[in-house]
Amino acid sequence: MKKRIFLFSVLSLSMAITVGATSASTSKTSENIIINQRSSGGATVGESFVVPKGWGHVKLRMKNHSDHPVKVSLTHDRSNKLYIDALVIAPHDTVIWKSTDKGFSDGMRSGDYTLQWRGSDYKVNGETWGVADSQPGDI
């Protein structure tokens, strides 16, 4: 079995609209590296991460900690391909998104991605957990 290796880079992303702080911590469990990003602050917050070449099967768990709904979008930076388009997450709800469940059975493109949280008139308070793998059944 191919050894699972995966790398997510986390950067804070400055947005033209109000920007919140994004922090990240990475820990290794078993053979997957898991990233946990906390997004809070402004009405719009962006998170950046990288999907390495060959590791395009992605699973994201997004939790809205706020008292108001948020919309989440995921865009591949280089191509502007939209993988998640304004997914609404209810207050205090969690959504699990898998690329394989959304029609990307061959995997997502490698490269830089931006996950944008929008809280309309309210501040964002969310958390994202994610893993990537080379095999679709392993996420």
Protein backbone atom coordinates (compact mmCIF):
# COMPACT_ATOMS: atom_id res chain seq x y z
CA MET A 1 0.00 0.00 0.00
CA LYS A 2 1.28 3.39 -0.91
CA LYS A 3 2.49 5.29 2.11
CA ARG A 4 0.19 8.24 2.76
CA ILE A 5 1.96 11.54 2.89
CA PHE A 6 0.28 14.84 2.67
CA LEU A 7 1.12 18.42 3.28
CA PHE A 8 -1.10 21.41 3.91
CA SER A 9 0.43 24.86 4.15
CA VAL A 10 -1.50 27.43 6.05
CA LEU A 11 -1.20 31.12 5.47
CA SER A 12 -3.36 33.95 6.60
CA LEU A 13 -4.99 35.62 3.63
CA SER A 14 -5.63 39.33 3.46
CA MET A 15 -9.02 40.09 2.04
CA ALA A 16 -10.28 43.37 0.55
CA ILE A 17 -13.22 43.17 2.92
CA THR A 18 -12.85 42.93 6.70
CA VAL A 19 -10.30 40.29 7.59
CA GLY A 20 -10.14 38.09 10.63
CA ALA A 21 -7.29 36.17 12.12
CA THR A 22 -6.60 32.62 11.04
CA SER A 23 -4.46 30.26 13.04
CA ALA A 24 -3.42 26.71 12.40
CA SER A 25 -1.97 23.77 14.21
CA THR A 26 -0.84 20.57 12.62
CA SER A 27 -0.57 17.16 14.24
CA LYS A 28 0.20 13.71 12.93
CA THR A 29 -2.13 10.83 13.64
CA SER A 30 -1.54 7.43 12.17
CA GLU A 31 -0.38 7.99 8.58
CA ASN A 32 -2.37 11.15 7.82
CA ILE A 33 -1.44 14.68 8.71
CA ILE A 34 -4.45 16.58 9.98
CA ILE A 35 -4.74 20.35 9.89
CA ASN A 36 -7.00 22.32 12.18
CA GLN A 37 -7.63 25.96 11.25
CA ARG A 38 -9.61 28.37 13.37
CA SER A 39 -11.15 31.30 11.48
CA SER A 40 -12.58 34.24 13.33
CA GLY A 41 -12.75 37.98 13.27
CA GLY A 42 -14.27 39.83 10.36
CA ALA A 43 -17.35 39.29 8.25
CA THR A 44 -15.17 37.63 5.59
CA VAL A 45 -12.25 35.38 6.45
CA GLY A 46 -10.03 33.43 4.06
CA GLU A 47 -7.92 30.37 4.70
CA SER A 48 -5.22 29.15 2.34
CA PHE A 49 -3.89 25.64 1.98
CA VAL A 50 -2.07 23.49 -0.57
CA VAL A 51 -3.14 20.18 -2.10
CA PRO A 52 0.09 18.42 -3.15
CA LYS A 53 0.32 16.79 -6.57
CA GLY A 54 -1.14 13.29 -6.47
CA TRP A 55 -3.05 13.92 -3.24
CA GLY A 56 -6.29 15.35 -4.65
CA HIS A 57 -8.80 13.32 -2.63
CA VAL A 58 -9.81 15.79 0.06
CA LYS A 59 -12.11 15.68 3.07
CA LEU A 60 -13.02 18.86 4.97
CA ARG A 61 -14.99 19.17 8.20
CA MET A 62 -16.23 22.73 8.70
CA LYS A 63 -17.80 23.83 11.99
CA ASN A 64 -19.64 27.11 12.43
CA HIS A 65 -19.20 28.21 16.05
CA SER A 66 -21.19 31.44 15.61
CA ASP A 67 -24.83 32.23 16.34
CA HIS A 68 -25.45 33.13 12.68
CA PRO A 69 -25.29 31.17 9.41
CA VAL A 70 -22.16 31.43 7.26
CA LYS A 71 -21.44 30.68 3.61
CA VAL A 72 -18.29 28.83 2.64
CA SER A 73 -16.66 28.71 -0.79
CA LEU A 74 -13.58 26.78 -1.95
CA THR A 75 -11.60 27.98 -4.98
CA HIS A 76 -8.48 26.66 -6.70
CA ASP A 77 -6.35 29.81 -6.87
CA ARG A 78 -4.59 29.30 -10.20
CA SER A 79 -7.61 28.22 -12.27
CA ASN A 80 -10.37 29.96 -10.26
CA LYS A 81 -12.24 26.63 -10.35
CA LEU A 82 -14.95 26.67 -7.71
CA TYR A 83 -15.22 23.40 -5.75
CA ILE A 84 -17.61 24.65 -3.06
CA ASP A 85 -20.03 27.42 -4.02
CA ALA A 86 -21.60 29.34 -1.11
CA LEU A 87 -22.31 26.28 1.05
CA VAL A 88 -24.50 27.46 3.94
CA ILE A 89 -23.55 26.20 7.40
CA ALA A 90 -26.19 26.81 10.06
CA PRO A 91 -25.27 28.27 13.45
CA HIS A 92 -23.32 25.77 15.60
CA ASP A 93 -23.55 23.14 12.83
CA THR A 94 -20.84 20.99 11.24
CA VAL A 95 -20.63 20.02 7.57
CA ILE A 96 -18.39 17.28 6.20
CA TRP A 97 -17.41 17.76 2.55
CA LYS A 98 -15.64 15.03 0.55
CA SER A 99 -14.35 15.65 -2.95
CA THR A 100 -15.32 12.09 -3.92
CA ASP A 101 -18.96 12.71 -2.90
CA LYS A 102 -19.14 15.86 -5.00
CA GLY A 103 -18.22 14.37 -8.38
CA PHE A 104 -14.45 14.73 -8.19
CA SER A 105 -13.73 11.00 -8.17
CA ASP A 106 -10.44 11.51 -10.04
CA GLY A 107 -9.31 13.99 -7.41
CA MET A 108 -8.98 17.73 -7.18
CA ARG A 109 -6.28 19.79 -8.86
CA SER A 110 -3.03 20.18 -6.99
CA GLY A 111 -1.97 23.62 -5.87
CA ASP A 112 -3.10 26.51 -3.74
CA TYR A 113 -6.69 26.81 -2.53
CA THR A 114 -8.65 29.50 -0.74
CA LEU A 115 -11.47 28.55 1.60
CA GLN A 116 -13.54 31.66 2.21
CA TRP A 117 -15.98 32.08 5.11
CA ARG A 118 -18.61 34.83 4.78
CA GLY A 119 -20.83 35.86 7.67
CA SER A 120 -22.76 38.68 5.92
CA ASP A 121 -23.14 41.37 8.58
CA TYR A 122 -21.79 39.14 11.35
CA LYS A 123 -18.30 38.09 12.37
CA VAL A 124 -17.11 34.66 11.32
CA ASN A 125 -16.25 32.11 13.98
CA GLY A 126 -15.46 28.78 12.36
CA GLU A 127 -13.09 25.88 12.29
CA THR A 128 -11.86 23.70 9.44
CA TRP A 129 -10.27 20.28 9.71
CA GLY A 130 -8.91 18.63 6.57
CA VAL A 131 -7.04 15.67 5.18
CA ALA A 132 -5.90 14.72 1.68
CA ASP A 133 -4.94 11.36 0.29
CA SER A 134 -3.79 9.72 -2.90
CA GLN A 135 -6.57 7.12 -2.74
CA PRO A 136 -10.27 8.09 -2.69
CA GLY A 137 -11.26 5.35 -0.24
CA ASP A 138 -8.81 6.53 2.40
CA ILE A 139 -10.38 9.91 3.20
